[in-house]
Each structure stands twice: as structure tokens, then as C-alpha cells.
Amino acid sequence: MANYKVIFTKPAKNDLDGVYRYISEQAMMPATALKLTENIKNEIDYYLSYMPYHPFADDNRLAKKGIRKMVVKKYLVLFIVFEKERTVSVERIIHGARDWEGLLT
């Protein structure tokens, strides 16, 4: 049984949709896009529901807000742990090659 409930915010859901659209349309591989986005979501659900205490984000501004990070595939997952509610809020899912700090300002 999972210890924490994992919740995907709208921006995180949009990020996953963007991954799907990019791979599906630009690379013309919709089956691969679907499999990748499902795998990313499943790994996030699994790991954060059992082990949410990953390092804080490298950016001090984000770390002060309690934002933690983990990597799934080539994607940086930014999330906040709410201990009292036993929930993890996935804030963003960003490809590691992107300027993720610029996206969050």
C-alpha cells in the first residue's frame, strides 16, 4: 500500500501532454509517445508514493518553496511533499535539456 497520494497539477499534466504531442507529431511515433508518457507517469506515481523525500531543487528560490526534484527517463520532475496530508504534488515535468529554471520564473 502506498504511503503518499500523488497528485499531478495542471501544469504537470500539460507537460506530459506536450511530451506526447512532440513525439507523436514531430517524430511521427504516436505509439512510442503514448508508451513513454504512460511510463513516465507510472514511475512518478510509484516512486513518489513510496519514497517522496528526494533532494531539494538546485535553485534556492525553488528549494525555499519546498520544491524537490527527481529524474525519470530524461525528464526532471519537480514536486512538493505535504507531510501532514500525506500527499505529493507534482508541479512540473520538464525535459532535462530544456532551460527549466527559465520556465519557472
C-alpha atoms as a PDB file:
ATOM      1  CA  MET A   1       0.000   0.000   0.000  1.00  0.00           C
ATOM      2  CA  ALA A   2       1.298   3.437  -0.946  1.00  0.00           C
ATOM      3  CA  ASN A   3       2.199   5.839   1.803  1.00  0.00           C
ATOM      4  CA  TYR A   4       1.545   9.063  -0.121  1.00  0.00           C
ATOM      5  CA  LYS A   5      -1.090  10.118  -2.625  1.00  0.00           C
ATOM      6  CA  VAL A   6       0.470  11.559  -5.790  1.00  0.00           C
ATOM      7  CA  ILE A   7      -1.379  14.443  -7.431  1.00  0.00           C
ATOM      8  CA  PHE A   8      -0.452  15.903 -10.834  1.00  0.00           C
ATOM      9  CA  THR A   9      -1.081  19.643 -11.128  1.00  0.00           C
ATOM     10  CA  LYS A  10      -2.467  21.107 -14.343  1.00  0.00           C
ATOM     11  CA  PRO A  11       0.987  22.351 -15.440  1.00  0.00           C
ATOM     12  CA  ALA A  12       2.429  18.841 -14.878  1.00  0.00           C
ATOM     13  CA  LYS A  13      -0.395  17.284 -16.898  1.00  0.00           C
ATOM     14  CA  ASN A  14       0.223  19.858 -19.630  1.00  0.00           C
ATOM     15  CA  ASP A  15       3.916  18.955 -19.582  1.00  0.00           C
ATOM     16  CA  LEU A  16       3.083  15.267 -20.159  1.00  0.00           C
ATOM     17  CA  ASP A  17       0.657  16.219 -22.917  1.00  0.00           C
ATOM     18  CA  GLY A  18       3.422  18.281 -24.505  1.00  0.00           C
ATOM     19  CA  VAL A  19       5.816  15.323 -24.418  1.00  0.00           C
ATOM     20  CA  TYR A  20       3.173  13.189 -26.104  1.00  0.00           C
ATOM     21  CA  ARG A  21       2.397  15.805 -28.769  1.00  0.00           C
ATOM     22  CA  TYR A  22       6.043  16.452 -29.562  1.00  0.00           C
ATOM     23  CA  ILE A  23       6.982  12.793 -30.016  1.00  0.00           C
ATOM     24  CA  SER A  24       3.716  11.917 -31.725  1.00  0.00           C
ATOM     25  CA  GLU A  25       3.695  14.820 -34.192  1.00  0.00           C
ATOM     26  CA  GLN A  26       7.332  15.806 -34.667  1.00  0.00           C
ATOM     27  CA  ALA A  27       8.833  12.316 -34.604  1.00  0.00           C
ATOM     28  CA  MET A  28       5.634  10.765 -36.048  1.00  0.00           C
ATOM     29  CA  MET A  29       5.628   7.999 -33.427  1.00  0.00           C
ATOM     30  CA  PRO A  30       2.299   8.116 -31.586  1.00  0.00           C
ATOM     31  CA  ALA A  31       2.617   4.600 -30.106  1.00  0.00           C
ATOM     32  CA  THR A  32       6.068   5.419 -28.741  1.00  0.00           C
ATOM     33  CA  ALA A  33       4.783   8.733 -27.383  1.00  0.00           C
ATOM     34  CA  LEU A  34       1.917   7.037 -25.572  1.00  0.00           C
ATOM     35  CA  LYS A  35       4.151   4.345 -24.092  1.00  0.00           C
ATOM     36  CA  LEU A  36       6.743   6.899 -22.927  1.00  0.00           C
ATOM     37  CA  THR A  37       4.232   9.226 -21.270  1.00  0.00           C
ATOM     38  CA  GLU A  38       2.496   6.303 -19.554  1.00  0.00           C
ATOM     39  CA  ASN A  39       5.861   5.003 -18.307  1.00  0.00           C
ATOM     40  CA  ILE A  40       6.854   8.433 -17.001  1.00  0.00           C
ATOM     41  CA  LYS A  41       3.555   8.846 -15.153  1.00  0.00           C
ATOM     42  CA  ASN A  42       3.686   5.318 -13.718  1.00  0.00           C
ATOM     43  CA  GLU A  43       7.267   5.740 -12.479  1.00  0.00           C
ATOM     44  CA  ILE A  44       6.415   9.069 -10.863  1.00  0.00           C
ATOM     45  CA  ASP A  45       3.346   7.548  -9.188  1.00  0.00           C
ATOM     46  CA  TYR A  46       5.276   4.554  -7.922  1.00  0.00           C
ATOM     47  CA  TYR A  47       8.426   6.222  -6.638  1.00  0.00           C
ATOM     48  CA  LEU A  48       6.809   9.275  -5.096  1.00  0.00           C
ATOM     49  CA  SER A  49       4.059   7.308  -3.391  1.00  0.00           C
ATOM     50  CA  TYR A  50       6.672   5.262  -1.543  1.00  0.00           C
ATOM     51  CA  MET A  51       9.790   7.459  -1.458  1.00  0.00           C
ATOM     52  CA  PRO A  52       8.958  11.160  -1.800  1.00  0.00           C
ATOM     53  CA  TYR A  53      11.967  12.586   0.005  1.00  0.00           C
ATOM     54  CA  HIS A  54      14.316  13.307  -2.875  1.00  0.00           C
ATOM     55  CA  PRO A  55      16.775  16.266  -2.847  1.00  0.00           C
ATOM     56  CA  PHE A  56      15.520  19.806  -2.987  1.00  0.00           C
ATOM     57  CA  ALA A  57      15.733  21.659  -6.303  1.00  0.00           C
ATOM     58  CA  ASP A  58      19.152  23.184  -7.015  1.00  0.00           C
ATOM     59  CA  ASP A  59      17.603  26.622  -7.388  1.00  0.00           C
ATOM     60  CA  ASN A  60      17.476  28.243  -3.911  1.00  0.00           C
ATOM     61  CA  ARG A  61      14.258  30.092  -4.719  1.00  0.00           C
ATOM     62  CA  LEU A  62      12.521  26.807  -5.523  1.00  0.00           C
ATOM     63  CA  ALA A  63      14.080  24.935  -2.617  1.00  0.00           C
ATOM     64  CA  LYS A  64      12.763  27.590  -0.199  1.00  0.00           C
ATOM     65  CA  LYS A  65       9.274  26.787  -1.516  1.00  0.00           C
ATOM     66  CA  GLY A  66       9.848  23.127  -0.662  1.00  0.00           C
ATOM     67  CA  ILE A  67      10.220  22.001  -4.263  1.00  0.00           C
ATOM     68  CA  ARG A  68      12.111  18.741  -4.625  1.00  0.00           C
ATOM     69  CA  LYS A  69      13.426  17.045  -7.741  1.00  0.00           C
ATOM     70  CA  MET A  70      13.931  13.629  -9.243  1.00  0.00           C
ATOM     71  CA  VAL A  71      14.774  12.375 -12.716  1.00  0.00           C
ATOM     72  CA  VAL A  72      12.583   9.941 -14.637  1.00  0.00           C
ATOM     73  CA  LYS A  73      13.929   8.893 -18.019  1.00  0.00           C
ATOM     74  CA  LYS A  74      15.337  12.187 -19.363  1.00  0.00           C
ATOM     75  CA  TYR A  75      12.782  14.325 -17.523  1.00  0.00           C
ATOM     76  CA  LEU A  76      13.165  16.441 -14.421  1.00  0.00           C
ATOM     77  CA  VAL A  77      10.208  16.044 -12.088  1.00  0.00           C
ATOM     78  CA  LEU A  78       9.607  18.911  -9.660  1.00  0.00           C
ATOM     79  CA  PHE A  79       7.286  18.255  -6.747  1.00  0.00           C
ATOM     80  CA  ILE A  80       6.294  19.262  -3.219  1.00  0.00           C
ATOM     81  CA  VAL A  81       5.701  16.872  -0.319  1.00  0.00           C
ATOM     82  CA  PHE A  82       2.862  17.729   2.058  1.00  0.00           C
ATOM     83  CA  GLU A  83       3.619  15.531   5.047  1.00  0.00           C
ATOM     84  CA  LYS A  84       0.536  16.370   7.092  1.00  0.00           C
ATOM     85  CA  GLU A  85      -1.795  15.427   4.210  1.00  0.00           C
ATOM     86  CA  ARG A  86       0.483  12.553   3.064  1.00  0.00           C
ATOM     87  CA  THR A  87       0.353  13.870  -0.497  1.00  0.00           C
ATOM     88  CA  VAL A  88       2.901  14.712  -3.157  1.00  0.00           C
ATOM     89  CA  SER A  89       2.053  17.439  -5.641  1.00  0.00           C
ATOM     90  CA  VAL A  90       3.841  17.037  -8.971  1.00  0.00           C
ATOM     91  CA  GLU A  91       4.364  20.598 -10.168  1.00  0.00           C
ATOM     92  CA  ARG A  92       6.262  20.200 -13.453  1.00  0.00           C
ATOM     93  CA  ILE A  93       7.774  17.516 -15.711  1.00  0.00           C
ATOM     94  CA  ILE A  94      10.453  19.078 -17.913  1.00  0.00           C
ATOM     95  CA  HIS A  95      12.932  17.557 -20.340  1.00  0.00           C
ATOM     96  CA  GLY A  96      16.409  17.795 -18.844  1.00  0.00           C
ATOM     97  CA  ALA A  97      17.819  19.589 -21.896  1.00  0.00           C
ATOM     98  CA  ARG A  98      15.390  22.499 -21.516  1.00  0.00           C
ATOM     99  CA  ASP A  99      16.040  25.685 -19.581  1.00  0.00           C
ATOM    100  CA  TRP A 100      13.820  24.575 -16.731  1.00  0.00           C
ATOM    101  CA  GLU A 101      14.816  27.429 -14.444  1.00  0.00           C
ATOM    102  CA  GLY A 102      13.668  29.900 -17.100  1.00  0.00           C
ATOM    103  CA  LEU A 103      10.349  28.090 -17.387  1.00  0.00           C
ATOM    104  CA  LEU A 104       9.622  28.522 -13.706  1.00  0.00           C
ATOM    105  CA  THR A 105      10.326  32.226 -13.269  1.00  0.00           C
END
